[in-house]
Amino acid sequence: MKTLYFAGGCFWGVARFFSGVPGVQKAVAGYANGRTPDPTYAEVYSDLTGYAETVEVEYDGRQVDAATLSRLFFCIIDPVSLNRQGEDIGTRYRTGIYYPDLEQAEAIRPVWEERRQKAGASFAVEFRPLENFYPAEEEHQDYLEKHPGGYCHLGPKIFRYLQLWSDARSLLEGEADPVAVMALLSALIQQRMRFFWTGFYRVVDGTLVLGPFQGDVACLRIGYGKGVCGSAWAEDRTLVVPDVEQFEGHIACSTLSRSEIVVPVHDAEGRVAAVLDIDSTETDTFDASDAAWLELICYLCRL
């Protein structure tokens, strides 16, 4: 067994989240990288001890690795929020990944660096060796299991995405056929998240060609740099569009579509091989959390 330490705001929700990750054996709420020995919750809450609310994640490296755990971590935090996650404010709520050995650090570093580059100068996630860790009092362990209606800064959507990612990871294991992968993912996402339209466009001979999808009849082909899908392909980045009417050059495959998110899907060489396109009948449906989760899901299906 191995351990990693994640500070992501209130440790009640973070512990509950990691407890649901396949391969994680235990998630312990506690305090990390502070100055005083064996602190109490009240002492840490004062913000005078230097500790961060942190979760010790014990995991089976044969089932899940440090890089995957770190990618999941970035799906549940705002990486540009300094000393604040949700409504929780203070240095005890800072974000960070704390590693006990250099082998883990080398596995995590590319994930951390990728997120740092995406976030820019406002990036606020620490990446440091673990200095110390003290488990929190028993009342803070498995808090949300003991208090199902208790406060959690992680919304229900995050836990739906975690189950979606977990199921997709299991179902896609060993499958190499790209059409089967796209068909399963479009059906699974649609079934679990209930979006208006979910599907893939494949890069074929310099254009996007409609692939497996769930929803209304859609455009058969989209050109490079055209519409939201073609732009995500050309720019090789996820595009979140709160209101499609405000997107210059939007291609209206359906008049019912009001907001959209498009995620590039890469092949083994890192080239864009397809895009995942998801539409909603409501404006402002998608945000940075959806982008992070859908990127992680697309990372499962290198085409």
Protein backbone atom coordinates (compact mmCIF):
# COMPACT_ATOMS: atom_id res chain seq x y z
CA MET A 1 0.00 0.00 0.00
CA LYS A 2 1.05 3.59 -0.67
CA THR A 3 -0.11 6.92 0.68
CA LEU A 4 -0.58 10.41 -0.78
CA TYR A 5 -1.87 13.56 0.84
CA PHE A 6 -4.37 15.98 -0.70
CA ALA A 7 -5.46 19.35 0.67
CA GLY A 8 -8.60 20.45 -1.15
CA GLY A 9 -10.65 22.59 1.21
CA CYS A 10 -12.90 21.09 3.87
CA PHE A 11 -11.61 17.57 4.51
CA TRP A 12 -15.08 16.11 5.07
CA GLY A 13 -15.94 16.22 1.36
CA VAL A 14 -12.44 15.41 0.12
CA ALA A 15 -12.32 12.28 2.29
CA ARG A 16 -15.73 11.17 1.07
CA PHE A 17 -14.64 11.73 -2.53
CA PHE A 18 -11.44 9.70 -2.34
CA SER A 19 -13.21 6.94 -0.43
CA GLY A 20 -15.22 6.34 -3.61
CA VAL A 21 -12.21 5.95 -5.92
CA PRO A 22 -11.54 2.33 -6.95
CA GLY A 23 -8.23 1.21 -5.48
CA VAL A 24 -8.36 3.56 -2.49
CA GLN A 25 -8.36 1.54 0.72
CA LYS A 26 -8.68 4.35 3.24
CA ALA A 27 -9.14 8.14 3.33
CA VAL A 28 -8.22 9.76 6.65
CA ALA A 29 -9.06 13.39 7.47
CA GLY A 30 -6.23 15.25 9.15
CA TYR A 31 -3.78 18.13 9.23
CA ALA A 32 -0.57 18.42 7.20
CA ASN A 33 2.56 20.55 6.92
CA GLY A 34 2.11 22.73 9.98
CA ARG A 35 4.32 23.93 12.81
CA THR A 36 2.96 22.56 16.10
CA PRO A 37 2.82 18.88 17.15
CA ASP A 38 -0.49 17.01 17.31
CA PRO A 39 -2.83 19.97 16.72
CA THR A 40 -6.54 20.04 17.54
CA TYR A 41 -9.26 21.08 15.13
CA ALA A 42 -9.77 24.31 17.09
CA GLU A 43 -6.06 25.14 16.85
CA VAL A 44 -5.95 24.49 13.10
CA TYR A 45 -9.17 26.48 12.63
CA SER A 46 -7.45 29.53 14.12
CA ASP A 47 -5.08 29.64 11.12
CA LEU A 48 -2.16 30.14 13.51
CA THR A 49 -0.57 26.69 13.21
CA GLY A 50 0.25 26.62 9.48
CA TYR A 51 -1.63 23.38 8.89
CA ALA A 52 -3.88 22.60 5.92
CA GLU A 53 -6.93 20.38 6.22
CA THR A 54 -5.63 17.34 4.36
CA VAL A 55 -6.74 13.82 3.50
CA GLU A 56 -4.33 10.91 3.75
CA VAL A 57 -5.17 8.59 0.86
CA GLU A 58 -4.02 4.99 1.23
CA TYR A 59 -4.18 3.22 -2.13
CA ASP A 60 -3.31 0.01 -3.91
CA GLY A 61 -0.84 0.93 -6.63
CA ARG A 62 -1.93 -2.06 -8.71
CA GLN A 63 -5.41 -0.57 -9.08
CA VAL A 64 -4.80 3.17 -9.19
CA ASP A 65 -1.62 5.21 -9.47
CA ALA A 66 -0.43 8.56 -8.11
CA ALA A 67 -0.92 10.39 -11.41
CA THR A 68 -4.54 9.23 -11.70
CA LEU A 69 -5.29 10.25 -8.12
CA SER A 70 -3.82 13.66 -8.86
CA ARG A 71 -5.91 14.06 -12.02
CA LEU A 72 -9.00 13.25 -9.98
CA PHE A 73 -7.94 15.78 -7.35
CA PHE A 74 -7.82 18.56 -9.93
CA CYS A 75 -11.42 17.72 -10.85
CA ILE A 76 -12.67 18.70 -7.38
CA ILE A 77 -10.78 21.93 -6.68
CA ASP A 78 -10.60 25.44 -8.06
CA PRO A 79 -6.85 25.62 -8.75
CA VAL A 80 -6.74 29.43 -8.92
CA SER A 81 -8.54 30.06 -5.62
CA LEU A 82 -6.00 31.07 -2.97
CA ASN A 83 -6.81 29.88 0.55
CA ARG A 84 -10.43 29.28 -0.37
CA GLN A 85 -12.54 26.40 -1.69
CA GLY A 86 -16.28 26.91 -1.92
CA GLU A 87 -17.43 28.98 1.03
CA ASP A 88 -14.48 27.93 3.21
CA ILE A 89 -11.85 30.65 3.64
CA GLY A 90 -8.49 30.59 5.41
CA THR A 91 -4.97 29.23 5.00
CA ARG A 92 -6.18 25.90 6.46
CA TYR A 93 -8.26 25.51 3.28
CA ARG A 94 -5.37 26.01 0.86
CA THR A 95 -4.91 23.41 -1.88
CA GLY A 96 -1.93 21.13 -2.22
CA ILE A 97 -0.50 17.73 -3.06
CA TYR A 98 2.00 16.46 -0.51
CA TYR A 99 4.10 13.42 -1.38
CA PRO A 100 6.10 11.13 0.95
CA ASP A 101 8.61 9.92 -1.66
CA LEU A 102 10.33 11.14 -4.83
CA GLU A 103 8.97 8.35 -7.02
CA GLN A 104 5.46 9.64 -6.45
CA ALA A 105 6.63 13.19 -7.07
CA GLU A 106 8.00 12.28 -10.49
CA ALA A 107 4.70 10.58 -11.43
CA ILE A 108 2.62 13.55 -10.29
CA ARG A 109 4.80 16.37 -11.62
CA PRO A 110 3.60 16.22 -15.27
CA VAL A 111 -0.05 16.39 -14.11
CA TRP A 112 0.67 19.32 -11.78
CA GLU A 113 2.69 21.13 -14.45
CA GLU A 114 -0.02 20.66 -17.08
CA ARG A 115 -2.61 22.18 -14.73
CA ARG A 116 -0.26 25.00 -13.76
CA GLN A 117 0.25 25.96 -17.38
CA LYS A 118 -3.50 25.91 -18.04
CA ALA A 119 -4.26 28.04 -14.98
CA GLY A 120 -1.55 30.63 -15.55
CA ALA A 121 -0.18 33.07 -12.99
CA SER A 122 -3.10 32.62 -10.57
CA PHE A 123 -2.34 28.92 -9.99
CA ALA A 124 -2.50 28.30 -6.23
CA VAL A 125 -1.90 24.56 -5.72
CA GLU A 126 1.09 23.59 -3.60
CA PHE A 127 3.25 20.63 -4.64
CA ARG A 128 5.61 19.78 -1.82
CA PRO A 129 7.08 16.90 0.20
CA LEU A 130 5.02 15.83 3.18
CA GLU A 131 6.53 17.34 6.33
CA ASN A 132 4.07 15.97 8.88
CA PHE A 133 0.53 14.67 9.15
CA TYR A 134 -1.75 14.19 12.14
CA PRO A 135 -5.14 12.46 11.86
CA ALA A 136 -8.06 14.63 12.91
CA GLU A 137 -10.29 13.77 15.84
CA GLU A 138 -12.63 10.80 15.46
CA GLU A 139 -15.67 13.04 15.00
CA HIS A 140 -14.15 14.24 11.69
CA GLN A 141 -13.55 10.74 10.30
CA ASP A 142 -16.22 9.55 7.80
CA TYR A 143 -18.12 12.68 8.77
CA LEU A 144 -20.54 12.67 5.84
CA GLU A 145 -21.35 9.01 6.37
CA LYS A 146 -22.19 9.79 9.99
CA HIS A 147 -24.08 12.96 8.98
CA PRO A 148 -25.60 12.37 5.50
CA GLY A 149 -27.10 15.86 5.39
CA GLY A 150 -23.95 17.54 6.66
CA TYR A 151 -22.12 20.38 4.95
CA CYS A 152 -20.02 19.49 1.91
CA HIS A 153 -18.43 22.03 -0.42
CA LEU A 154 -18.37 19.41 -3.19
CA GLY A 155 -21.70 19.38 -5.01
CA PRO A 156 -23.66 16.27 -6.07
CA LYS A 157 -22.49 16.67 -9.68
CA ILE A 158 -18.92 15.82 -8.65
CA PHE A 159 -19.98 12.49 -7.19
CA ARG A 160 -22.05 11.67 -10.29
CA TYR A 161 -19.00 12.35 -12.43
CA LEU A 162 -16.84 10.18 -10.16
CA GLN A 163 -19.20 7.25 -10.66
CA LEU A 164 -19.33 7.93 -14.39
CA TRP A 165 -15.53 8.01 -14.64
CA SER A 166 -15.20 4.85 -12.52
CA ASP A 167 -17.70 2.93 -14.65
CA ALA A 168 -16.18 4.15 -17.91
CA ARG A 169 -12.71 3.14 -16.72
CA SER A 170 -13.93 -0.35 -15.88
CA LEU A 171 -15.99 -0.86 -19.04
CA LEU A 172 -13.34 0.43 -21.44
CA GLU A 173 -10.47 -1.59 -20.00
CA GLY A 174 -8.79 -3.54 -22.80
CA GLU A 175 -11.09 -2.24 -25.56
CA ALA A 176 -9.14 -0.99 -28.61
CA ASP A 177 -11.89 -0.44 -31.18
CA PRO A 178 -12.46 3.36 -31.41
CA VAL A 179 -16.07 3.12 -32.59
CA ALA A 180 -16.97 0.83 -29.70
CA VAL A 181 -15.26 3.19 -27.26
CA MET A 182 -17.11 6.25 -28.58
CA ALA A 183 -20.44 4.42 -28.70
CA LEU A 184 -20.15 3.22 -25.11
CA LEU A 185 -19.02 6.60 -23.78
CA SER A 186 -21.74 8.59 -25.55
CA ALA A 187 -24.40 6.22 -24.19
CA LEU A 188 -22.92 6.16 -20.68
CA ILE A 189 -22.57 9.94 -20.42
CA GLN A 190 -26.08 10.47 -21.73
CA GLN A 191 -27.55 7.88 -19.39
CA ARG A 192 -25.86 9.24 -16.28
CA MET A 193 -25.85 13.00 -16.91
CA ARG A 194 -29.03 13.41 -18.98
CA PHE A 195 -27.69 16.06 -21.35
CA PHE A 196 -29.67 17.02 -24.47
CA TRP A 197 -27.10 15.69 -26.96
CA THR A 198 -23.91 13.70 -26.45
CA GLY A 199 -21.70 12.39 -29.20
CA PHE A 200 -18.42 12.31 -31.07
CA TYR A 201 -17.16 13.80 -34.30
CA ARG A 202 -14.19 11.94 -35.81
CA VAL A 203 -11.32 13.56 -37.72
CA VAL A 204 -11.48 11.99 -41.19
CA ASP A 205 -9.54 13.36 -44.19
CA GLY A 206 -9.36 16.90 -42.86
CA THR A 207 -12.92 17.25 -41.62
CA LEU A 208 -15.04 16.27 -38.63
CA VAL A 209 -17.42 13.43 -39.46
CA LEU A 210 -20.33 12.44 -37.24
CA GLY A 211 -19.60 9.41 -35.07
CA PRO A 212 -21.59 7.55 -32.40
CA PHE A 213 -24.04 9.82 -30.57
CA GLN A 214 -27.13 9.95 -28.38
CA GLY A 215 -29.83 12.50 -29.19
CA ASP A 216 -31.48 14.26 -32.10
CA VAL A 217 -30.30 14.08 -35.70
CA ALA A 218 -27.13 16.17 -36.05
CA CYS A 219 -24.79 17.69 -38.63
CA LEU A 220 -22.94 15.07 -40.64
CA ARG A 221 -19.75 17.05 -41.24
CA ILE A 222 -18.06 20.09 -39.69
CA GLY A 223 -15.04 21.83 -41.17
CA TYR A 224 -11.74 22.63 -39.51
CA GLY A 225 -12.11 25.76 -37.40
CA LYS A 226 -15.87 25.93 -38.05
CA GLY A 227 -18.41 26.23 -35.24
CA VAL A 228 -17.63 25.18 -31.69
CA CYS A 229 -16.53 21.65 -32.65
CA GLY A 230 -14.23 22.76 -35.46
CA SER A 231 -12.76 25.50 -33.27
CA ALA A 232 -12.02 23.09 -30.40
CA TRP A 233 -10.27 20.85 -32.93
CA ALA A 234 -8.25 23.70 -34.46
CA GLU A 235 -7.27 25.19 -31.10
CA ASP A 236 -6.78 21.78 -29.45
CA ARG A 237 -8.50 22.87 -26.25
CA THR A 238 -11.80 22.40 -24.48
CA LEU A 239 -14.37 25.07 -25.29
CA VAL A 240 -17.15 25.88 -22.83
CA VAL A 241 -19.87 27.99 -24.45
CA PRO A 242 -22.46 29.38 -22.00
CA ASP A 243 -24.71 30.69 -24.80
CA VAL A 244 -24.25 29.34 -28.32
CA GLU A 245 -25.98 32.41 -29.80
CA GLN A 246 -23.02 34.47 -28.60
CA PHE A 247 -20.43 32.23 -30.26
CA GLU A 248 -19.36 33.72 -33.56
CA GLY A 249 -19.80 31.19 -36.37
CA HIS A 250 -21.92 28.80 -34.31
CA ILE A 251 -23.38 25.97 -36.41
CA ALA A 252 -26.96 25.30 -35.34
CA CYS A 253 -27.38 21.54 -35.77
CA SER A 254 -30.44 21.87 -33.52
CA THR A 255 -32.42 24.99 -32.62
CA LEU A 256 -32.95 23.49 -29.15
CA SER A 257 -29.26 23.70 -28.24
CA ARG A 258 -28.51 26.67 -25.94
CA SER A 259 -25.12 25.88 -24.40
CA GLU A 260 -22.30 23.53 -25.36
CA ILE A 261 -19.01 21.99 -24.33
CA VAL A 262 -16.55 20.39 -26.76
CA VAL A 263 -13.52 18.36 -25.63
CA PRO A 264 -10.69 17.22 -27.95
CA VAL A 265 -9.90 13.50 -27.91
CA HIS A 266 -6.32 12.55 -28.75
CA ASP A 267 -4.66 9.55 -30.31
CA ALA A 268 -1.59 7.80 -28.94
CA GLU A 269 0.68 10.38 -30.62
CA GLY A 270 -1.16 13.30 -29.04
CA ARG A 271 -2.98 14.42 -32.18
CA VAL A 272 -6.66 15.35 -32.11
CA ALA A 273 -8.49 12.27 -33.42
CA ALA A 274 -12.04 13.30 -32.49
CA VAL A 275 -14.03 15.70 -30.35
CA LEU A 276 -16.63 14.96 -27.70
CA ASP A 277 -19.58 17.32 -28.21
CA ILE A 278 -22.24 17.81 -25.53
CA ASP A 279 -25.22 20.18 -25.81
CA SER A 280 -27.83 21.43 -23.37
CA THR A 281 -31.23 23.05 -23.87
CA GLU A 282 -30.39 25.52 -21.08
CA THR A 283 -27.81 28.31 -21.06
CA ASP A 284 -24.86 28.23 -18.64
CA THR A 285 -25.03 24.45 -18.17
CA PHE A 286 -21.30 23.74 -18.28
CA ASP A 287 -18.39 25.10 -16.25
CA ALA A 288 -14.75 24.39 -15.44
CA SER A 289 -15.75 21.35 -13.37
CA ASP A 290 -17.51 19.75 -16.35
CA ALA A 291 -14.46 20.52 -18.49
CA ALA A 292 -12.05 18.88 -16.03
CA TRP A 293 -14.16 15.74 -15.67
CA LEU A 294 -14.88 15.32 -19.37
CA GLU A 295 -11.20 15.81 -20.19
CA LEU A 296 -10.38 13.08 -17.70
CA ILE A 297 -12.99 10.78 -19.24
CA CYS A 298 -11.64 11.49 -22.73
CA TYR A 299 -8.16 10.71 -21.41
CA LEU A 300 -9.42 7.14 -20.91
CA CYS A 301 -10.08 6.72 -24.63
CA ARG A 302 -6.92 7.49 -26.55
CA LEU A 303 -8.13 6.65 -30.05
